[in-house]
Amino acid sequence: MADERTYPQRPYLAVSAAIIRNRKVLVVRRARKPAFNLYTLPGGAVEAGETLVDAVIREVREETSLSIEPVVLTGHREVIARDEQGKVERHFVILCFAARWLAGEPILSDELDDARWLDPSELGGYRTTEGLAEIVTNAAALLAPLA
């Protein structure tokens, strides 16, 4: 599915949320590219005129139907995917938030095919996006004193 984010002229800004509920984090599995079949955090692209906090709340609601409270930035990731010829096919800078779960149970969008609440120590048993365990560990540590 081609869009303006495929073969971009510049990086795209995105957000994600490490949502903590009862000391567990929500991870979701992508049902299509990019990150097909990998567990990651819910999130997506920031729209023009949208704050980062508004973007992460919207993206989480669209992908999972959950209500969250973003608390603090917990890290970032850069995703640069190249095609067979080495040309940049996708480039995202993702700002990751530690967030509290407020309400709801995961109801997945068509972009996702699984959701699990996991103890951060369980992430090693899953195929995840690069750096996910570090982001989740940071988020859990940042939110622990507030629990």
N, C-alpha and C. Protein backbone atom coordinates (compact mmCIF):
# COMPACT_ATOMS: atom_id res chain seq x y z
N MET A 1 0.85 -1.18 0.00
CA MET A 1 0.00 0.00 0.00
C MET A 1 0.89 1.24 0.00
N ALA A 2 0.95 1.91 -1.11
CA ALA A 2 1.81 3.09 -1.24
C ALA A 2 1.07 4.32 -0.71
N ASP A 3 1.82 5.19 -0.07
CA ASP A 3 1.30 6.47 0.37
C ASP A 3 2.46 7.44 0.39
N GLU A 4 2.21 8.67 0.86
CA GLU A 4 3.28 9.67 0.86
C GLU A 4 4.44 9.31 1.78
N ARG A 5 4.23 8.34 2.68
CA ARG A 5 5.30 7.91 3.58
C ARG A 5 6.20 6.85 2.95
N THR A 6 5.81 6.35 1.78
CA THR A 6 6.64 5.39 1.05
C THR A 6 7.57 6.17 0.13
N TYR A 7 8.85 5.88 0.19
CA TYR A 7 9.89 6.61 -0.54
C TYR A 7 9.79 8.10 -0.23
N PRO A 8 9.90 8.45 1.03
CA PRO A 8 9.71 9.84 1.46
C PRO A 8 10.87 10.75 1.08
N GLN A 9 10.58 12.03 1.05
CA GLN A 9 11.60 13.05 0.84
C GLN A 9 12.22 13.48 2.17
N ARG A 10 11.57 13.10 3.27
CA ARG A 10 12.03 13.49 4.60
C ARG A 10 11.54 12.44 5.60
N PRO A 11 12.10 12.41 6.79
CA PRO A 11 11.58 11.49 7.82
C PRO A 11 10.19 11.93 8.27
N TYR A 12 9.40 10.97 8.73
CA TYR A 12 8.09 11.25 9.29
C TYR A 12 8.14 11.09 10.81
N LEU A 13 7.45 11.99 11.51
CA LEU A 13 7.38 11.95 12.95
C LEU A 13 6.22 11.06 13.38
N ALA A 14 6.51 10.17 14.32
CA ALA A 14 5.48 9.27 14.85
C ALA A 14 5.61 9.21 16.37
N VAL A 15 4.58 8.66 17.00
CA VAL A 15 4.56 8.49 18.46
C VAL A 15 4.11 7.07 18.77
N SER A 16 4.48 6.61 19.95
CA SER A 16 3.99 5.33 20.45
C SER A 16 3.83 5.44 21.96
N ALA A 17 3.15 4.44 22.55
CA ALA A 17 2.90 4.48 23.99
C ALA A 17 3.19 3.13 24.63
N ALA A 18 4.03 3.16 25.66
CA ALA A 18 4.22 2.01 26.53
C ALA A 18 3.18 2.18 27.64
N ILE A 19 2.05 1.51 27.45
CA ILE A 19 0.91 1.67 28.36
C ILE A 19 1.05 0.68 29.50
N ILE A 20 1.11 1.21 30.71
CA ILE A 20 1.30 0.38 31.89
C ILE A 20 -0.02 0.25 32.64
N ARG A 21 -0.36 -1.01 32.96
CA ARG A 21 -1.58 -1.33 33.71
C ARG A 21 -1.23 -2.48 34.65
N ASN A 22 -1.35 -2.24 35.96
CA ASN A 22 -1.02 -3.27 36.95
C ASN A 22 0.38 -3.85 36.72
N ARG A 23 1.32 -2.96 36.45
CA ARG A 23 2.73 -3.29 36.24
C ARG A 23 2.99 -4.14 34.99
N LYS A 24 2.01 -4.21 34.10
CA LYS A 24 2.18 -4.91 32.82
C LYS A 24 2.06 -3.89 31.71
N VAL A 25 2.68 -4.21 30.57
CA VAL A 25 2.67 -3.31 29.43
C VAL A 25 1.88 -3.95 28.29
N LEU A 26 1.16 -3.12 27.54
CA LEU A 26 0.44 -3.62 26.37
C LEU A 26 1.37 -3.66 25.17
N VAL A 27 1.50 -4.84 24.57
CA VAL A 27 2.20 -4.96 23.29
C VAL A 27 1.21 -5.46 22.26
N VAL A 28 1.39 -5.01 21.04
CA VAL A 28 0.50 -5.37 19.94
C VAL A 28 1.33 -5.94 18.79
N ARG A 29 0.73 -6.85 18.03
CA ARG A 29 1.43 -7.42 16.88
C ARG A 29 0.87 -6.81 15.60
N ARG A 30 1.80 -6.31 14.76
CA ARG A 30 1.43 -5.67 13.50
C ARG A 30 0.96 -6.72 12.50
N ALA A 31 -0.15 -6.42 11.84
CA ALA A 31 -0.74 -7.33 10.86
C ALA A 31 -0.31 -7.02 9.42
N ARG A 32 0.49 -5.97 9.26
CA ARG A 32 0.97 -5.61 7.92
C ARG A 32 2.25 -4.79 8.04
N LYS A 33 2.86 -4.50 6.90
CA LYS A 33 4.09 -3.71 6.90
C LYS A 33 3.80 -2.29 7.32
N PRO A 34 4.72 -1.56 7.88
CA PRO A 34 6.02 -2.03 8.33
C PRO A 34 5.89 -2.79 9.65
N ALA A 35 6.89 -3.53 10.00
CA ALA A 35 6.96 -4.33 11.24
C ALA A 35 5.96 -5.48 11.24
N PHE A 36 5.63 -6.01 10.07
CA PHE A 36 4.70 -7.12 9.96
C PHE A 36 5.10 -8.28 10.88
N ASN A 37 4.14 -8.77 11.66
CA ASN A 37 4.29 -9.93 12.53
C ASN A 37 5.23 -9.72 13.72
N LEU A 38 5.55 -8.48 14.02
CA LEU A 38 6.37 -8.17 15.19
C LEU A 38 5.51 -7.53 16.26
N TYR A 39 5.85 -7.82 17.52
CA TYR A 39 5.20 -7.15 18.63
C TYR A 39 5.87 -5.80 18.85
N THR A 40 5.06 -4.81 19.15
CA THR A 40 5.53 -3.45 19.32
C THR A 40 4.55 -2.70 20.20
N LEU A 41 4.69 -1.39 20.26
CA LEU A 41 3.78 -0.54 21.01
C LEU A 41 2.78 0.09 20.06
N PRO A 42 1.54 0.33 20.51
CA PRO A 42 0.60 1.02 19.63
C PRO A 42 1.06 2.46 19.38
N GLY A 43 0.78 2.94 18.19
CA GLY A 43 1.16 4.30 17.83
C GLY A 43 1.09 4.51 16.34
N GLY A 44 1.52 5.70 15.92
CA GLY A 44 1.50 6.01 14.51
C GLY A 44 1.92 7.44 14.26
N ALA A 45 1.68 7.91 13.05
CA ALA A 45 2.17 9.21 12.60
C ALA A 45 1.44 10.37 13.26
N VAL A 46 2.20 11.43 13.50
CA VAL A 46 1.65 12.68 14.02
C VAL A 46 1.08 13.45 12.82
N GLU A 47 -0.13 13.98 13.00
CA GLU A 47 -0.75 14.75 11.93
C GLU A 47 -0.39 16.23 12.08
N ALA A 48 -0.40 16.97 10.97
CA ALA A 48 -0.10 18.40 11.00
C ALA A 48 -1.06 19.11 11.94
N GLY A 49 -0.52 19.98 12.79
CA GLY A 49 -1.33 20.74 13.73
C GLY A 49 -1.67 20.01 15.01
N GLU A 50 -1.18 18.80 15.17
CA GLU A 50 -1.49 17.96 16.32
C GLU A 50 -0.31 17.95 17.29
N THR A 51 -0.58 18.09 18.59
CA THR A 51 0.50 17.97 19.56
C THR A 51 0.90 16.50 19.69
N LEU A 52 2.09 16.26 20.22
CA LEU A 52 2.54 14.89 20.42
C LEU A 52 1.61 14.13 21.35
N VAL A 53 1.19 14.77 22.44
CA VAL A 53 0.28 14.12 23.40
C VAL A 53 -1.05 13.79 22.73
N ASP A 54 -1.61 14.74 21.99
CA ASP A 54 -2.88 14.47 21.29
C ASP A 54 -2.70 13.34 20.28
N ALA A 55 -1.57 13.32 19.60
CA ALA A 55 -1.32 12.28 18.60
C ALA A 55 -1.26 10.89 19.23
N VAL A 56 -0.55 10.75 20.33
CA VAL A 56 -0.43 9.42 20.95
C VAL A 56 -1.77 8.97 21.53
N ILE A 57 -2.54 9.89 22.10
CA ILE A 57 -3.87 9.52 22.60
C ILE A 57 -4.76 9.05 21.44
N ARG A 58 -4.74 9.80 20.33
CA ARG A 58 -5.56 9.44 19.16
C ARG A 58 -5.12 8.11 18.56
N GLU A 59 -3.82 7.94 18.35
CA GLU A 59 -3.34 6.71 17.72
C GLU A 59 -3.66 5.47 18.57
N VAL A 60 -3.48 5.57 19.88
CA VAL A 60 -3.79 4.44 20.76
C VAL A 60 -5.29 4.14 20.70
N ARG A 61 -6.12 5.18 20.73
CA ARG A 61 -7.57 4.98 20.66
C ARG A 61 -7.95 4.34 19.31
N GLU A 62 -7.37 4.83 18.19
CA GLU A 62 -7.69 4.27 16.88
C GLU A 62 -7.25 2.82 16.75
N GLU A 63 -6.09 2.48 17.29
CA GLU A 63 -5.56 1.12 17.12
C GLU A 63 -6.10 0.12 18.14
N THR A 64 -6.45 0.58 19.35
CA THR A 64 -6.79 -0.36 20.41
C THR A 64 -8.10 -0.04 21.15
N SER A 65 -8.68 1.12 20.93
CA SER A 65 -9.87 1.61 21.64
C SER A 65 -9.61 1.94 23.11
N LEU A 66 -8.37 1.96 23.55
CA LEU A 66 -8.06 2.27 24.95
C LEU A 66 -7.98 3.77 25.18
N SER A 67 -8.30 4.17 26.41
CA SER A 67 -8.07 5.54 26.87
C SER A 67 -6.81 5.51 27.73
N ILE A 68 -5.90 6.46 27.45
CA ILE A 68 -4.63 6.50 28.17
C ILE A 68 -4.32 7.92 28.63
N GLU A 69 -3.35 7.99 29.55
CA GLU A 69 -2.81 9.27 29.98
C GLU A 69 -1.30 9.24 29.73
N PRO A 70 -0.82 9.90 28.67
CA PRO A 70 0.63 9.97 28.46
C PRO A 70 1.25 10.78 29.61
N VAL A 71 2.35 10.26 30.17
CA VAL A 71 2.95 10.90 31.34
C VAL A 71 4.27 11.58 30.99
N VAL A 72 5.15 10.87 30.31
CA VAL A 72 6.49 11.40 30.05
C VAL A 72 7.09 10.69 28.83
N LEU A 73 7.93 11.41 28.09
CA LEU A 73 8.68 10.75 27.01
C LEU A 73 9.68 9.80 27.64
N THR A 74 9.78 8.61 27.09
CA THR A 74 10.66 7.60 27.65
C THR A 74 11.79 7.19 26.70
N GLY A 75 11.79 7.73 25.50
CA GLY A 75 12.85 7.42 24.55
C GLY A 75 12.39 7.66 23.13
N HIS A 76 13.26 7.31 22.21
CA HIS A 76 12.90 7.44 20.80
C HIS A 76 13.56 6.31 20.02
N ARG A 77 13.06 6.10 18.82
CA ARG A 77 13.63 5.13 17.90
C ARG A 77 13.59 5.74 16.50
N GLU A 78 14.56 5.36 15.69
CA GLU A 78 14.56 5.74 14.28
C GLU A 78 14.40 4.47 13.48
N VAL A 79 13.45 4.47 12.57
CA VAL A 79 13.21 3.31 11.72
C VAL A 79 13.48 3.75 10.29
N ILE A 80 14.49 3.14 9.69
CA ILE A 80 14.84 3.42 8.30
C ILE A 80 14.84 2.09 7.57
N ALA A 81 13.89 1.94 6.66
CA ALA A 81 13.78 0.71 5.87
C ALA A 81 14.19 1.00 4.44
N ARG A 82 15.05 0.15 3.91
CA ARG A 82 15.52 0.32 2.53
C ARG A 82 15.01 -0.83 1.65
N ASP A 83 14.82 -0.53 0.38
CA ASP A 83 14.40 -1.57 -0.56
C ASP A 83 15.62 -2.35 -1.05
N GLU A 84 15.40 -3.28 -1.98
CA GLU A 84 16.49 -4.13 -2.48
C GLU A 84 17.61 -3.33 -3.15
N GLN A 85 17.30 -2.16 -3.68
CA GLN A 85 18.30 -1.31 -4.32
C GLN A 85 18.99 -0.37 -3.33
N GLY A 86 18.58 -0.42 -2.08
CA GLY A 86 19.19 0.43 -1.06
C GLY A 86 18.55 1.79 -0.91
N LYS A 87 17.49 2.04 -1.67
CA LYS A 87 16.78 3.33 -1.57
C LYS A 87 15.89 3.33 -0.32
N VAL A 88 15.83 4.49 0.35
CA VAL A 88 15.01 4.60 1.55
C VAL A 88 13.54 4.47 1.18
N GLU A 89 12.91 3.39 1.68
CA GLU A 89 11.51 3.14 1.41
C GLU A 89 10.62 3.77 2.49
N ARG A 90 11.10 3.77 3.73
CA ARG A 90 10.38 4.37 4.86
C ARG A 90 11.40 4.95 5.83
N HIS A 91 11.04 6.07 6.46
CA HIS A 91 11.90 6.67 7.49
C HIS A 91 11.01 7.35 8.52
N PHE A 92 11.02 6.80 9.72
CA PHE A 92 10.24 7.34 10.83
C PHE A 92 11.13 7.66 12.01
N VAL A 93 10.86 8.76 12.68
CA VAL A 93 11.42 9.07 13.99
C VAL A 93 10.24 8.92 14.95
N ILE A 94 10.36 7.98 15.89
CA ILE A 94 9.25 7.64 16.78
C ILE A 94 9.59 8.09 18.20
N LEU A 95 8.75 8.96 18.76
CA LEU A 95 8.89 9.39 20.14
C LEU A 95 7.98 8.52 20.99
N CYS A 96 8.57 7.87 21.99
CA CYS A 96 7.85 6.90 22.80
C CYS A 96 7.48 7.49 24.15
N PHE A 97 6.22 7.37 24.51
CA PHE A 97 5.70 7.86 25.78
C PHE A 97 5.49 6.72 26.76
N ALA A 98 5.75 6.98 28.04
CA ALA A 98 5.26 6.12 29.11
C ALA A 98 3.85 6.64 29.39
N ALA A 99 2.88 5.74 29.45
CA ALA A 99 1.49 6.16 29.62
C ALA A 99 0.77 5.24 30.60
N ARG A 100 -0.19 5.84 31.31
CA ARG A 100 -1.05 5.07 32.21
C ARG A 100 -2.31 4.65 31.46
N TRP A 101 -2.73 3.42 31.68
CA TRP A 101 -4.01 2.94 31.18
C TRP A 101 -5.10 3.61 32.00
N LEU A 102 -6.13 4.13 31.35
CA LEU A 102 -7.26 4.74 32.05
C LEU A 102 -8.52 3.89 31.97
N ALA A 103 -8.82 3.38 30.76
CA ALA A 103 -10.07 2.63 30.58
C ALA A 103 -10.04 1.83 29.29
N GLY A 104 -10.88 0.80 29.29
CA GLY A 104 -11.10 0.00 28.08
C GLY A 104 -10.30 -1.28 28.05
N GLU A 105 -10.70 -2.13 27.14
CA GLU A 105 -9.99 -3.36 26.83
C GLU A 105 -9.63 -3.29 25.35
N PRO A 106 -8.49 -3.89 24.97
CA PRO A 106 -8.07 -3.78 23.57
C PRO A 106 -9.10 -4.33 22.58
N ILE A 107 -9.48 -3.47 21.66
CA ILE A 107 -10.26 -3.84 20.47
C ILE A 107 -9.39 -3.39 19.31
N LEU A 108 -8.87 -4.33 18.56
CA LEU A 108 -7.82 -4.04 17.60
C LEU A 108 -8.33 -3.52 16.26
N SER A 109 -7.59 -2.57 15.71
CA SER A 109 -7.85 -2.09 14.35
C SER A 109 -7.33 -3.15 13.38
N ASP A 110 -7.59 -2.93 12.09
CA ASP A 110 -7.13 -3.89 11.08
C ASP A 110 -5.62 -3.86 10.89
N GLU A 111 -4.92 -2.90 11.52
CA GLU A 111 -3.45 -2.85 11.45
C GLU A 111 -2.79 -3.86 12.40
N LEU A 112 -3.59 -4.40 13.35
CA LEU A 112 -3.06 -5.28 14.39
C LEU A 112 -3.80 -6.60 14.39
N ASP A 113 -3.11 -7.68 14.84
CA ASP A 113 -3.81 -8.96 14.94
C ASP A 113 -3.67 -9.64 16.30
N ASP A 114 -3.00 -8.99 17.26
CA ASP A 114 -2.90 -9.55 18.61
C ASP A 114 -2.52 -8.44 19.58
N ALA A 115 -2.95 -8.59 20.81
CA ALA A 115 -2.59 -7.67 21.89
C ALA A 115 -2.44 -8.48 23.16
N ARG A 116 -1.40 -8.16 23.93
CA ARG A 116 -1.14 -8.88 25.18
C ARG A 116 -0.62 -7.92 26.24
N TRP A 117 -1.10 -8.09 27.47
CA TRP A 117 -0.55 -7.40 28.62
C TRP A 117 0.54 -8.29 29.17
N LEU A 118 1.79 -7.83 29.14
CA LEU A 118 2.93 -8.64 29.56
C LEU A 118 3.72 -7.97 30.66
N ASP A 119 4.31 -8.79 31.51
CA ASP A 119 5.34 -8.28 32.41
C ASP A 119 6.52 -7.92 31.52
N PRO A 120 7.19 -6.80 31.77
CA PRO A 120 8.33 -6.43 30.92
C PRO A 120 9.38 -7.53 30.78
N SER A 121 9.54 -8.36 31.79
CA SER A 121 10.53 -9.44 31.72
C SER A 121 10.16 -10.52 30.70
N GLU A 122 8.92 -10.56 30.25
CA GLU A 122 8.46 -11.56 29.29
C GLU A 122 8.77 -11.21 27.84
N LEU A 123 9.19 -9.99 27.58
CA LEU A 123 9.38 -9.54 26.19
C LEU A 123 10.41 -10.36 25.43
N GLY A 124 11.39 -10.91 26.15
CA GLY A 124 12.43 -11.70 25.49
C GLY A 124 11.89 -12.93 24.77
N GLY A 125 10.70 -13.38 25.12
CA GLY A 125 10.10 -14.54 24.48
C GLY A 125 9.29 -14.22 23.24
N TYR A 126 9.32 -12.97 22.80
CA TYR A 126 8.52 -12.53 21.65
C TYR A 126 9.42 -11.89 20.59
N ARG A 127 8.98 -11.98 19.34
CA ARG A 127 9.64 -11.25 18.25
C ARG A 127 9.14 -9.82 18.31
N THR A 128 10.04 -8.87 18.59
CA THR A 128 9.64 -7.48 18.78
C THR A 128 10.42 -6.56 17.86
N THR A 129 9.92 -5.34 17.78
CA THR A 129 10.67 -4.32 17.08
C THR A 129 11.93 -4.00 17.87
N GLU A 130 12.93 -3.53 17.17
CA GLU A 130 14.23 -3.24 17.78
C GLU A 130 14.10 -2.20 18.90
N GLY A 131 14.71 -2.51 20.04
CA GLY A 131 14.75 -1.58 21.16
C GLY A 131 13.51 -1.57 22.02
N LEU A 132 12.53 -2.43 21.74
CA LEU A 132 11.28 -2.41 22.50
C LEU A 132 11.51 -2.67 23.98
N ALA A 133 12.31 -3.65 24.32
CA ALA A 133 12.53 -4.00 25.74
C ALA A 133 13.11 -2.81 26.51
N GLU A 134 14.03 -2.09 25.90
CA GLU A 134 14.63 -0.92 26.57
C GLU A 134 13.59 0.17 26.82
N ILE A 135 12.77 0.46 25.83
CA ILE A 135 11.73 1.48 25.98
C ILE A 135 10.75 1.08 27.08
N VAL A 136 10.33 -0.18 27.08
CA VAL A 136 9.37 -0.66 28.09
C VAL A 136 9.98 -0.62 29.48
N THR A 137 11.23 -1.04 29.61
CA THR A 137 11.90 -1.00 30.90
C THR A 137 11.98 0.43 31.43
N ASN A 138 12.33 1.37 30.56
CA ASN A 138 12.39 2.78 30.95
C ASN A 138 11.01 3.28 31.38
N ALA A 139 9.99 2.94 30.61
CA ALA A 139 8.64 3.40 30.93
C ALA A 139 8.18 2.84 32.28
N ALA A 140 8.39 1.56 32.50
CA ALA A 140 7.96 0.93 33.76
C ALA A 140 8.69 1.57 34.94
N ALA A 141 9.97 1.86 34.78
CA ALA A 141 10.73 2.49 35.87
C ALA A 141 10.24 3.91 36.14
N LEU A 142 9.90 4.65 35.09
CA LEU A 142 9.43 6.01 35.26
C LEU A 142 8.05 6.08 35.91
N LEU A 143 7.20 5.09 35.62
CA LEU A 143 5.85 5.11 36.16
C LEU A 143 5.74 4.41 37.51
N ALA A 144 6.68 3.57 37.87
CA ALA A 144 6.61 2.81 39.14
C ALA A 144 6.39 3.71 40.36
N PRO A 145 7.13 4.82 40.50
CA PRO A 145 6.91 5.67 41.67
C PRO A 145 5.52 6.32 41.70
N LEU A 146 4.87 6.39 40.55
CA LEU A 146 3.55 7.04 40.46
C LEU A 146 2.41 6.05 40.66
N ALA A 147 2.75 4.76 40.73
CA ALA A 147 1.71 3.72 40.85
C ALA A 147 1.10 3.66 42.23
